[in-house]
Amino acid sequence: MLTISQVERDTGLSKDTLRIWERRYGFPNPARDANGERQYDASQLQRLRLIKRLIDSGKRPGKLVGRPLAELSKLSAEQPPGAIAPNAREAHGEFIEMLKSRDTEALQQRLSQILMRKGLQQFVLTTLAPLNTTIGEAWGRGDIATFDEHLYTEQVQSLMRTVIQGISHRSDSPRVMLTTLPQEQHGLGLLMVESLLAAENIYCVSLGTQTPVQDVVAAAKALRADIVALSFSASFSLRAAIAGIATLRREFSPATALWAGGRLMVRMKQIPPGVTRFTALDEVVPAISAWRAKSGA
């Protein structure tokens, strides 16, 4: 039996999301321990993992949460593999095997070799972005454990931070601040955006994840941010994202650009005025050029 905190860490679904689904859809349906705390069994965890993977692929939670395990498994198996070339997918097999054998040294070395050959931006766009999808799919199928996925993320983050820190010269304009809102724990997307911008000699400050809205406002003013960039994973509450973005847009001056990116943006049909939406990483660098052209920087 798992606690709600353990399920949150395993699936990436926030505690608030799990509680809302429990009230709205009747699933998950946890037992309670002697202290009244929620307890989830393995079958519920498996269903939640599949739901998370299907949400990440663009499905709506309301169409998934009430479905039994067999239907979710069938839907998951029917999902297209995504925009990854077959030869690239086969090449990703080596990374899966490294994770299964827990060979972190080989994993780090292989990633470093590709980074040196491709350069930072191409490494992020053509290696990391599709590889992240492959790793997530492997986790969703149960081919790798949750801690294997975490191990992969930590190795990638360590490599990316080392490279970013080695880029010394940064332009004064624009100044970009990156963060996520409360309940958004995924920070790899932020780091990938920071890497793309660092390669363009853009000055970036990352606050990490789960920054309260008013703290985002205060930090943007204190750091004199020209652009505030937020990242949203597919499992983040759409309603909370819209509310948070709208609040920030009202609080910021018109001179402060607000960017919102991540997989949730695919599902966000309408976005508050004055906010730039990103659904793919390769949109980031052109957006910087557009900002500079508009601001005359």
C-alpha atoms as a PDB file:
ATOM      1  CA  MET A   1       0.000   0.000   0.000  1.00  0.00           C
ATOM      2  CA  LEU A   2       1.283   3.464  -0.941  1.00  0.00           C
ATOM      3  CA  THR A   3       0.613   6.860   0.599  1.00  0.00           C
ATOM      4  CA  ILE A   4      -0.652   9.754  -1.501  1.00  0.00           C
ATOM      5  CA  SER A   5       2.836  11.307  -1.380  1.00  0.00           C
ATOM      6  CA  GLN A   6       4.363   8.116  -2.772  1.00  0.00           C
ATOM      7  CA  VAL A   7       1.773   7.961  -5.566  1.00  0.00           C
ATOM      8  CA  GLU A   8       2.467  11.621  -6.381  1.00  0.00           C
ATOM      9  CA  ARG A   9       6.196  10.941  -6.681  1.00  0.00           C
ATOM     10  CA  ASP A  10       5.669   7.765  -8.697  1.00  0.00           C
ATOM     11  CA  THR A  11       3.145   9.066 -11.229  1.00  0.00           C
ATOM     12  CA  GLY A  12       3.795  12.805 -11.361  1.00  0.00           C
ATOM     13  CA  LEU A  13       0.107  13.409 -10.593  1.00  0.00           C
ATOM     14  CA  SER A  14      -0.262  15.997  -7.843  1.00  0.00           C
ATOM     15  CA  LYS A  15      -2.068  15.291  -4.586  1.00  0.00           C
ATOM     16  CA  ASP A  16      -4.698  17.886  -5.486  1.00  0.00           C
ATOM     17  CA  THR A  17      -5.335  16.168  -8.817  1.00  0.00           C
ATOM     18  CA  LEU A  18      -5.730  12.774  -7.127  1.00  0.00           C
ATOM     19  CA  ARG A  19      -8.197  14.204  -4.597  1.00  0.00           C
ATOM     20  CA  ILE A  20     -10.214  16.006  -7.294  1.00  0.00           C
ATOM     21  CA  TRP A  21     -10.473  12.845  -9.381  1.00  0.00           C
ATOM     22  CA  GLU A  22     -11.526  10.897  -6.306  1.00  0.00           C
ATOM     23  CA  ARG A  23     -14.411  13.323  -5.684  1.00  0.00           C
ATOM     24  CA  ARG A  24     -15.392  13.870  -9.305  1.00  0.00           C
ATOM     25  CA  TYR A  25     -14.939  10.441 -10.865  1.00  0.00           C
ATOM     26  CA  GLY A  26     -14.816   8.022  -7.926  1.00  0.00           C
ATOM     27  CA  PHE A  27     -11.285   6.988  -8.866  1.00  0.00           C
ATOM     28  CA  PRO A  28      -8.799   6.508  -7.415  1.00  0.00           C
ATOM     29  CA  ASN A  29     -10.638   4.914  -4.511  1.00  0.00           C
ATOM     30  CA  PRO A  30      -8.028   4.592  -1.765  1.00  0.00           C
ATOM     31  CA  ALA A  31      -8.430   2.734   1.478  1.00  0.00           C
ATOM     32  CA  ARG A  32      -7.745   4.501   4.766  1.00  0.00           C
ATOM     33  CA  ASP A  33      -5.264   3.566   7.457  1.00  0.00           C
ATOM     34  CA  ALA A  34      -5.838   3.840  11.210  1.00  0.00           C
ATOM     35  CA  ASN A  35      -5.129   7.580  11.046  1.00  0.00           C
ATOM     36  CA  GLY A  36      -7.519   8.160   8.150  1.00  0.00           C
ATOM     37  CA  GLU A  37      -4.704   8.672   5.628  1.00  0.00           C
ATOM     38  CA  ARG A  38      -5.217   7.525   2.045  1.00  0.00           C
ATOM     39  CA  GLN A  39      -3.639   4.183   1.011  1.00  0.00           C
ATOM     40  CA  TYR A  40      -3.393   3.081  -2.632  1.00  0.00           C
ATOM     41  CA  ASP A  41      -2.833  -0.489  -3.799  1.00  0.00           C
ATOM     42  CA  ALA A  42      -0.745  -1.674  -6.768  1.00  0.00           C
ATOM     43  CA  SER A  43      -3.693  -1.993  -9.160  1.00  0.00           C
ATOM     44  CA  GLN A  44      -4.702   1.640  -8.647  1.00  0.00           C
ATOM     45  CA  LEU A  45      -1.090   2.739  -9.118  1.00  0.00           C
ATOM     46  CA  GLN A  46      -0.924   0.857 -12.424  1.00  0.00           C
ATOM     47  CA  ARG A  47      -4.116   2.517 -13.669  1.00  0.00           C
ATOM     48  CA  LEU A  48      -2.829   5.939 -12.621  1.00  0.00           C
ATOM     49  CA  ARG A  49       0.442   5.381 -14.494  1.00  0.00           C
ATOM     50  CA  LEU A  50      -1.447   4.526 -17.681  1.00  0.00           C
ATOM     51  CA  ILE A  51      -3.756   7.527 -17.242  1.00  0.00           C
ATOM     52  CA  LYS A  52      -0.733   9.800 -16.824  1.00  0.00           C
ATOM     53  CA  ARG A  53       0.870   8.478 -20.007  1.00  0.00           C
ATOM     54  CA  LEU A  54      -2.359   8.916 -21.989  1.00  0.00           C
ATOM     55  CA  ILE A  55      -2.791  12.470 -20.668  1.00  0.00           C
ATOM     56  CA  ASP A  56       0.776  13.231 -21.722  1.00  0.00           C
ATOM     57  CA  SER A  57      -0.145  12.079 -25.216  1.00  0.00           C
ATOM     58  CA  GLY A  58      -3.027  14.582 -25.361  1.00  0.00           C
ATOM     59  CA  LYS A  59      -6.025  12.657 -23.957  1.00  0.00           C
ATOM     60  CA  ARG A  60      -8.460  14.384 -21.612  1.00  0.00           C
ATOM     61  CA  PRO A  61      -8.593  13.145 -17.997  1.00  0.00           C
ATOM     62  CA  GLY A  62     -12.398  13.048 -17.999  1.00  0.00           C
ATOM     63  CA  LYS A  63     -12.342  10.466 -20.797  1.00  0.00           C
ATOM     64  CA  LEU A  64      -9.862   8.228 -18.961  1.00  0.00           C
ATOM     65  CA  VAL A  65     -10.198   8.252 -15.197  1.00  0.00           C
ATOM     66  CA  GLY A  66     -13.289   6.058 -14.947  1.00  0.00           C
ATOM     67  CA  ARG A  67     -12.038   3.396 -17.363  1.00  0.00           C
ATOM     68  CA  PRO A  68     -10.920  -0.049 -16.147  1.00  0.00           C
ATOM     69  CA  LEU A  69      -7.329  -1.228 -16.437  1.00  0.00           C
ATOM     70  CA  ALA A  70      -7.964  -3.397 -19.527  1.00  0.00           C
ATOM     71  CA  GLU A  71      -9.370  -0.471 -21.516  1.00  0.00           C
ATOM     72  CA  LEU A  72      -6.547   1.833 -20.442  1.00  0.00           C
ATOM     73  CA  SER A  73      -3.963  -0.773 -21.440  1.00  0.00           C
ATOM     74  CA  LYS A  74      -5.590  -1.123 -24.854  1.00  0.00           C
ATOM     75  CA  LEU A  75      -5.676   2.636 -25.368  1.00  0.00           C
ATOM     76  CA  SER A  76      -2.043   2.910 -24.333  1.00  0.00           C
ATOM     77  CA  ALA A  77      -1.013   0.182 -26.774  1.00  0.00           C
ATOM     78  CA  GLU A  78      -2.870   1.988 -29.579  1.00  0.00           C
ATOM     79  CA  GLN A  79      -1.055   5.271 -28.997  1.00  0.00           C
ATOM     80  CA  PRO A  80       1.186   6.313 -31.892  1.00  0.00           C
ATOM     81  CA  PRO A  81       4.868   6.342 -30.965  1.00  0.00           C
ATOM     82  CA  GLY A  82       5.134  10.084 -31.627  1.00  0.00           C
ATOM     83  CA  ALA A  83       7.332  12.068 -33.978  1.00  0.00           C
ATOM     84  CA  ILE A  84      10.380   9.876 -33.515  1.00  0.00           C
ATOM     85  CA  ALA A  85      12.009   8.274 -36.525  1.00  0.00           C
ATOM     86  CA  PRO A  86      12.225   4.447 -36.306  1.00  0.00           C
ATOM     87  CA  ASN A  87      16.027   4.492 -36.467  1.00  0.00           C
ATOM     88  CA  ALA A  88      16.131   7.035 -33.623  1.00  0.00           C
ATOM     89  CA  ARG A  89      13.777   4.892 -31.546  1.00  0.00           C
ATOM     90  CA  GLU A  90      16.019   1.853 -32.078  1.00  0.00           C
ATOM     91  CA  ALA A  91      19.057   3.912 -31.019  1.00  0.00           C
ATOM     92  CA  HIS A  92      17.254   4.828 -27.823  1.00  0.00           C
ATOM     93  CA  GLY A  93      17.330   1.172 -26.845  1.00  0.00           C
ATOM     94  CA  GLU A  94      20.878   1.577 -25.599  1.00  0.00           C
ATOM     95  CA  PHE A  95      19.754   4.157 -23.062  1.00  0.00           C
ATOM     96  CA  ILE A  96      16.984   1.864 -21.819  1.00  0.00           C
ATOM     97  CA  GLU A  97      19.524  -0.912 -21.315  1.00  0.00           C
ATOM     98  CA  MET A  98      21.867   1.434 -19.427  1.00  0.00           C
ATOM     99  CA  LEU A  99      19.023   2.367 -17.110  1.00  0.00           C
ATOM    100  CA  LYS A 100      18.039  -1.242 -16.565  1.00  0.00           C
ATOM    101  CA  SER A 101      21.627  -2.096 -15.629  1.00  0.00           C
ATOM    102  CA  ARG A 102      21.917   1.134 -13.574  1.00  0.00           C
ATOM    103  CA  ASP A 103      25.114   2.036 -15.422  1.00  0.00           C
ATOM    104  CA  THR A 104      25.038   5.762 -14.709  1.00  0.00           C
ATOM    105  CA  GLU A 105      28.634   6.264 -15.773  1.00  0.00           C
ATOM    106  CA  ALA A 106      27.980   4.856 -19.242  1.00  0.00           C
ATOM    107  CA  LEU A 107      24.767   6.874 -19.520  1.00  0.00           C
ATOM    108  CA  GLN A 108      26.507  10.123 -18.638  1.00  0.00           C
ATOM    109  CA  GLN A 109      29.402   9.376 -20.976  1.00  0.00           C
ATOM    110  CA  ARG A 110      27.121   8.544 -23.915  1.00  0.00           C
ATOM    111  CA  LEU A 111      25.042  11.689 -23.441  1.00  0.00           C
ATOM    112  CA  SER A 112      28.211  13.782 -23.212  1.00  0.00           C
ATOM    113  CA  GLN A 113      29.535  12.302 -26.456  1.00  0.00           C
ATOM    114  CA  ILE A 114      26.350  13.179 -28.321  1.00  0.00           C
ATOM    115  CA  LEU A 115      26.335  16.667 -26.812  1.00  0.00           C
ATOM    116  CA  MET A 116      29.897  17.341 -27.958  1.00  0.00           C
ATOM    117  CA  ARG A 117      29.145  16.087 -31.461  1.00  0.00           C
ATOM    118  CA  LYS A 118      25.865  17.952 -31.974  1.00  0.00           C
ATOM    119  CA  GLY A 119      26.294  21.105 -29.926  1.00  0.00           C
ATOM    120  CA  LEU A 120      23.974  22.255 -27.160  1.00  0.00           C
ATOM    121  CA  GLN A 121      20.887  23.348 -29.092  1.00  0.00           C
ATOM    122  CA  GLN A 122      20.753  20.381 -31.457  1.00  0.00           C
ATOM    123  CA  PHE A 123      21.401  18.045 -28.540  1.00  0.00           C
ATOM    124  CA  VAL A 124      18.360  19.441 -26.735  1.00  0.00           C
ATOM    125  CA  LEU A 125      16.082  19.496 -29.794  1.00  0.00           C
ATOM    126  CA  THR A 126      17.033  16.301 -31.612  1.00  0.00           C
ATOM    127  CA  THR A 127      18.352  14.043 -28.839  1.00  0.00           C
ATOM    128  CA  LEU A 128      16.872  14.974 -25.467  1.00  0.00           C
ATOM    129  CA  ALA A 129      13.343  15.881 -26.555  1.00  0.00           C
ATOM    130  CA  PRO A 130      12.621  12.554 -28.336  1.00  0.00           C
ATOM    131  CA  LEU A 131      14.627  10.561 -25.793  1.00  0.00           C
ATOM    132  CA  ASN A 132      12.508  11.971 -22.971  1.00  0.00           C
ATOM    133  CA  THR A 133       9.437  10.664 -24.795  1.00  0.00           C
ATOM    134  CA  THR A 134      10.987   7.221 -25.184  1.00  0.00           C
ATOM    135  CA  ILE A 135      11.944   7.063 -21.507  1.00  0.00           C
ATOM    136  CA  GLY A 136       8.439   8.132 -20.487  1.00  0.00           C
ATOM    137  CA  GLU A 137       6.874   5.468 -22.706  1.00  0.00           C
ATOM    138  CA  ALA A 138       9.191   2.804 -21.272  1.00  0.00           C
ATOM    139  CA  TRP A 139       8.150   3.828 -17.768  1.00  0.00           C
ATOM    140  CA  GLY A 140       4.472   3.795 -18.759  1.00  0.00           C
ATOM    141  CA  ARG A 141       4.802   0.222 -20.055  1.00  0.00           C
ATOM    142  CA  GLY A 142       6.642  -0.862 -16.926  1.00  0.00           C
ATOM    143  CA  ASP A 143       9.862  -1.617 -18.833  1.00  0.00           C
ATOM    144  CA  ILE A 144      11.813   0.548 -16.385  1.00  0.00           C
ATOM    145  CA  ALA A 145      11.142   1.372 -12.748  1.00  0.00           C
ATOM    146  CA  THR A 146      10.140   4.772 -11.448  1.00  0.00           C
ATOM    147  CA  PHE A 147      13.561   5.224  -9.866  1.00  0.00           C
ATOM    148  CA  ASP A 148      15.148   4.467 -13.273  1.00  0.00           C
ATOM    149  CA  GLU A 149      13.250   7.391 -14.783  1.00  0.00           C
ATOM    150  CA  HIS A 150      14.329   9.597 -11.885  1.00  0.00           C
ATOM    151  CA  LEU A 151      17.910   8.431 -12.336  1.00  0.00           C
ATOM    152  CA  TYR A 152      17.769   9.389 -16.022  1.00  0.00           C
ATOM    153  CA  THR A 153      16.364  12.822 -15.192  1.00  0.00           C
ATOM    154  CA  GLU A 154      19.060  13.495 -12.602  1.00  0.00           C
ATOM    155  CA  GLN A 155      21.834  12.492 -15.002  1.00  0.00           C
ATOM    156  CA  VAL A 156      20.461  14.765 -17.733  1.00  0.00           C
ATOM    157  CA  GLN A 157      19.999  17.686 -15.344  1.00  0.00           C
ATOM    158  CA  SER A 158      23.527  17.299 -13.998  1.00  0.00           C
ATOM    159  CA  LEU A 159      24.978  17.318 -17.508  1.00  0.00           C
ATOM    160  CA  MET A 160      22.909  20.291 -18.656  1.00  0.00           C
ATOM    161  CA  ARG A 161      23.734  22.409 -15.598  1.00  0.00           C
ATOM    162  CA  THR A 162      27.440  21.757 -16.065  1.00  0.00           C
ATOM    163  CA  VAL A 163      27.283  22.901 -19.681  1.00  0.00           C
ATOM    164  CA  ILE A 164      25.183  25.976 -18.887  1.00  0.00           C
ATOM    165  CA  GLN A 165      27.566  27.060 -16.135  1.00  0.00           C
ATOM    166  CA  GLY A 166      30.434  26.865 -18.624  1.00  0.00           C
ATOM    167  CA  ILE A 167      28.849  29.525 -20.847  1.00  0.00           C
ATOM    168  CA  SER A 168      30.265  32.697 -19.344  1.00  0.00           C
ATOM    169  CA  HIS A 169      29.288  35.535 -21.690  1.00  0.00           C
ATOM    170  CA  ARG A 170      25.640  36.568 -21.482  1.00  0.00           C
ATOM    171  CA  SER A 171      23.841  39.408 -23.219  1.00  0.00           C
ATOM    172  CA  ASP A 172      22.156  41.996 -21.008  1.00  0.00           C
ATOM    173  CA  SER A 173      18.954  41.856 -23.014  1.00  0.00           C
ATOM    174  CA  PRO A 174      16.606  40.152 -22.735  1.00  0.00           C
ATOM    175  CA  ARG A 175      16.686  38.970 -19.141  1.00  0.00           C
ATOM    176  CA  VAL A 176      14.672  35.745 -18.840  1.00  0.00           C
ATOM    177  CA  MET A 177      13.293  34.292 -15.608  1.00  0.00           C
ATOM    178  CA  LEU A 178      12.114  30.676 -15.619  1.00  0.00           C
ATOM    179  CA  THR A 179       9.919  28.817 -13.138  1.00  0.00           C
ATOM    180  CA  THR A 180       6.783  26.712 -12.628  1.00  0.00           C
ATOM    181  CA  LEU A 181       3.680  27.398 -10.544  1.00  0.00           C
ATOM    182  CA  PRO A 182       2.744  25.486  -7.350  1.00  0.00           C
ATOM    183  CA  GLN A 183       1.938  21.784  -7.871  1.00  0.00           C
ATOM    184  CA  GLU A 184       4.118  21.647 -11.010  1.00  0.00           C
ATOM    185  CA  GLN A 185       7.097  19.545  -9.978  1.00  0.00           C
ATOM    186  CA  HIS A 186       8.608  18.854 -13.407  1.00  0.00           C
ATOM    187  CA  GLY A 187      11.725  20.955 -13.957  1.00  0.00           C
ATOM    188  CA  LEU A 188      13.478  19.252 -16.870  1.00  0.00           C
ATOM    189  CA  GLY A 189      11.541  21.313 -19.413  1.00  0.00           C
ATOM    190  CA  LEU A 190      12.737  24.516 -17.729  1.00  0.00           C
ATOM    191  CA  LEU A 191      16.325  23.346 -17.924  1.00  0.00           C
ATOM    192  CA  MET A 192      15.999  22.478 -21.610  1.00  0.00           C
ATOM    193  CA  VAL A 193      14.630  25.945 -22.384  1.00  0.00           C
ATOM    194  CA  GLU A 194      17.410  27.520 -20.336  1.00  0.00           C
ATOM    195  CA  SER A 195      19.939  25.511 -22.352  1.00  0.00           C
ATOM    196  CA  LEU A 196      18.522  26.746 -25.652  1.00  0.00           C
ATOM    197  CA  LEU A 197      18.670  30.329 -24.426  1.00  0.00           C
ATOM    198  CA  ALA A 198      22.153  29.971 -22.921  1.00  0.00           C
ATOM    199  CA  ALA A 199      23.427  28.829 -26.309  1.00  0.00           C
ATOM    200  CA  GLU A 200      22.121  32.166 -27.635  1.00  0.00           C
ATOM    201  CA  ASN A 201      24.023  33.988 -24.853  1.00  0.00           C
ATOM    202  CA  ILE A 202      20.755  34.981 -23.187  1.00  0.00           C
ATOM    203  CA  TYR A 203      20.842  35.961 -19.516  1.00  0.00           C
ATOM    204  CA  CYS A 204      18.640  33.482 -17.610  1.00  0.00           C
ATOM    205  CA  VAL A 205      17.666  33.049 -13.978  1.00  0.00           C
ATOM    206  CA  SER A 206      15.786  29.910 -12.927  1.00  0.00           C
ATOM    207  CA  LEU A 207      13.750  29.871  -9.730  1.00  0.00           C
ATOM    208  CA  GLY A 208      13.230  26.134 -10.033  1.00  0.00           C
ATOM    209  CA  THR A 209       9.792  24.616  -9.595  1.00  0.00           C
ATOM    210  CA  GLN A 210       6.615  25.386  -7.626  1.00  0.00           C
ATOM    211  CA  THR A 211       6.975  29.129  -7.076  1.00  0.00           C
ATOM    212  CA  PRO A 212       3.877  30.837  -5.623  1.00  0.00           C
ATOM    213  CA  VAL A 213       2.304  33.362  -7.991  1.00  0.00           C
ATOM    214  CA  GLN A 214       3.010  36.404  -5.823  1.00  0.00           C
ATOM    215  CA  ASP A 215       6.630  35.315  -5.450  1.00  0.00           C
ATOM    216  CA  VAL A 216       6.893  35.077  -9.239  1.00  0.00           C
ATOM    217  CA  VAL A 217       5.657  38.665  -9.452  1.00  0.00           C
ATOM    218  CA  ALA A 218       8.067  39.889  -6.785  1.00  0.00           C
ATOM    219  CA  ALA A 219      11.038  38.029  -8.284  1.00  0.00           C
ATOM    220  CA  ALA A 220      10.347  39.338 -11.787  1.00  0.00           C
ATOM    221  CA  LYS A 221      10.426  42.911 -10.480  1.00  0.00           C
ATOM    222  CA  ALA A 222      13.510  42.371  -8.322  1.00  0.00           C
ATOM    223  CA  LEU A 223      15.434  40.647 -11.114  1.00  0.00           C
ATOM    224  CA  ARG A 224      14.234  43.134 -13.766  1.00  0.00           C
ATOM    225  CA  ALA A 225      13.027  40.290 -15.970  1.00  0.00           C
ATOM    226  CA  ASP A 226      12.097  41.173 -19.537  1.00  0.00           C
ATOM    227  CA  ILE A 227      10.541  37.742 -20.070  1.00  0.00           C
ATOM    228  CA  VAL A 228       8.994  35.344 -17.553  1.00  0.00           C
ATOM    229  CA  ALA A 229       8.775  31.789 -18.871  1.00  0.00           C
ATOM    230  CA  LEU A 230       6.540  29.151 -17.258  1.00  0.00           C
ATOM    231  CA  SER A 231       6.476  25.418 -17.926  1.00  0.00           C
ATOM    232  CA  PHE A 232       3.403  23.166 -17.597  1.00  0.00           C
ATOM    233  CA  SER A 233       3.374  19.388 -17.903  1.00  0.00           C
ATOM    234  CA  ALA A 234       0.329  17.643 -19.365  1.00  0.00           C
ATOM    235  CA  SER A 235      -0.923  16.516 -15.949  1.00  0.00           C
ATOM    236  CA  PHE A 236      -1.125  20.051 -14.542  1.00  0.00           C
ATOM    237  CA  SER A 237      -4.624  21.379 -13.911  1.00  0.00           C
ATOM    238  CA  LEU A 238      -5.799  23.300 -16.981  1.00  0.00           C
ATOM    239  CA  ARG A 239      -8.014  25.535 -14.849  1.00  0.00           C
ATOM    240  CA  ALA A 240      -5.160  26.319 -12.431  1.00  0.00           C
ATOM    241  CA  ALA A 241      -2.823  27.099 -15.321  1.00  0.00           C
ATOM    242  CA  ILE A 242      -5.261  29.534 -16.932  1.00  0.00           C
ATOM    243  CA  ALA A 243      -5.937  31.235 -13.581  1.00  0.00           C
ATOM    244  CA  GLY A 244      -2.240  31.534 -12.733  1.00  0.00           C
ATOM    245  CA  ILE A 245      -1.292  32.864 -16.152  1.00  0.00           C
ATOM    246  CA  ALA A 246      -4.141  35.389 -16.105  1.00  0.00           C
ATOM    247  CA  THR A 247      -3.120  36.618 -12.630  1.00  0.00           C
ATOM    248  CA  LEU A 248       0.495  37.069 -13.655  1.00  0.00           C
ATOM    249  CA  ARG A 249      -0.469  38.917 -16.813  1.00  0.00           C
ATOM    250  CA  ARG A 250      -2.526  41.367 -14.767  1.00  0.00           C
ATOM    251  CA  GLU A 251       0.255  41.854 -12.215  1.00  0.00           C
ATOM    252  CA  PHE A 252       3.086  42.333 -14.703  1.00  0.00           C
ATOM    253  CA  SER A 253       3.643  45.568 -16.547  1.00  0.00           C
ATOM    254  CA  PRO A 254       2.979  45.498 -20.304  1.00  0.00           C
ATOM    255  CA  ALA A 255       6.748  45.638 -20.833  1.00  0.00           C
ATOM    256  CA  THR A 256       7.228  42.221 -19.217  1.00  0.00           C
ATOM    257  CA  ALA A 257       6.611  39.399 -21.681  1.00  0.00           C
ATOM    258  CA  LEU A 258       4.934  36.249 -20.347  1.00  0.00           C
ATOM    259  CA  TRP A 259       5.675  32.912 -21.996  1.00  0.00           C
ATOM    260  CA  ALA A 260       3.894  29.622 -21.275  1.00  0.00           C
ATOM    261  CA  GLY A 261       5.124  26.329 -22.658  1.00  0.00           C
ATOM    262  CA  GLY A 262       4.898  22.585 -22.166  1.00  0.00           C
ATOM    263  CA  ARG A 263       2.574  19.770 -23.116  1.00  0.00           C
ATOM    264  CA  LEU A 264      -0.414  21.308 -21.383  1.00  0.00           C
ATOM    265  CA  MET A 265      -0.375  24.110 -23.953  1.00  0.00           C
ATOM    266  CA  VAL A 266      -1.612  21.689 -26.610  1.00  0.00           C
ATOM    267  CA  ARG A 267      -4.855  21.350 -24.644  1.00  0.00           C
ATOM    268  CA  MET A 268      -5.183  25.054 -23.820  1.00  0.00           C
ATOM    269  CA  LYS A 269      -7.428  26.278 -26.617  1.00  0.00           C
ATOM    270  CA  GLN A 270      -7.594  29.866 -25.376  1.00  0.00           C
ATOM    271  CA  ILE A 271      -4.852  31.751 -23.618  1.00  0.00           C
ATOM    272  CA  PRO A 272      -5.107  35.153 -21.894  1.00  0.00           C
ATOM    273  CA  PRO A 273      -4.213  38.138 -24.111  1.00  0.00           C
ATOM    274  CA  GLY A 274      -0.623  39.248 -23.951  1.00  0.00           C
ATOM    275  CA  VAL A 275       0.742  35.741 -23.344  1.00  0.00           C
ATOM    276  CA  THR A 276       2.906  33.815 -25.814  1.00  0.00           C
ATOM    277  CA  ARG A 277       2.185  30.087 -25.974  1.00  0.00           C
ATOM    278  CA  PHE A 278       4.757  27.453 -26.941  1.00  0.00           C
ATOM    279  CA  THR A 279       3.902  23.884 -27.874  1.00  0.00           C
ATOM    280  CA  ALA A 280       7.372  22.862 -29.085  1.00  0.00           C
ATOM    281  CA  LEU A 281      10.938  23.610 -28.023  1.00  0.00           C
ATOM    282  CA  ASP A 282      12.016  24.694 -31.488  1.00  0.00           C
ATOM    283  CA  GLU A 283       9.749  27.760 -31.131  1.00  0.00           C
ATOM    284  CA  VAL A 284      11.888  29.239 -28.353  1.00  0.00           C
ATOM    285  CA  VAL A 285      14.887  30.649 -30.244  1.00  0.00           C
ATOM    286  CA  PRO A 286      12.773  32.284 -32.998  1.00  0.00           C
ATOM    287  CA  ALA A 287      10.686  33.893 -30.237  1.00  0.00           C
ATOM    288  CA  ILE A 288      13.825  35.539 -28.857  1.00  0.00           C
ATOM    289  CA  SER A 289      14.578  36.978 -32.289  1.00  0.00           C
ATOM    290  CA  ALA A 290      11.010  38.263 -32.507  1.00  0.00           C
ATOM    291  CA  TRP A 291      11.279  39.841 -29.038  1.00  0.00           C
ATOM    292  CA  ARG A 292      14.509  41.601 -29.976  1.00  0.00           C
ATOM    293  CA  ALA A 293      13.070  42.872 -33.230  1.00  0.00           C
ATOM    294  CA  LYS A 294       9.995  44.228 -31.453  1.00  0.00           C
ATOM    295  CA  SER A 295      11.913  45.831 -28.579  1.00  0.00           C
ATOM    296  CA  GLY A 296      14.741  47.153 -30.748  1.00  0.00           C
ATOM    297  CA  ALA A 297      17.313  45.387 -28.571  1.00  0.00           C
END
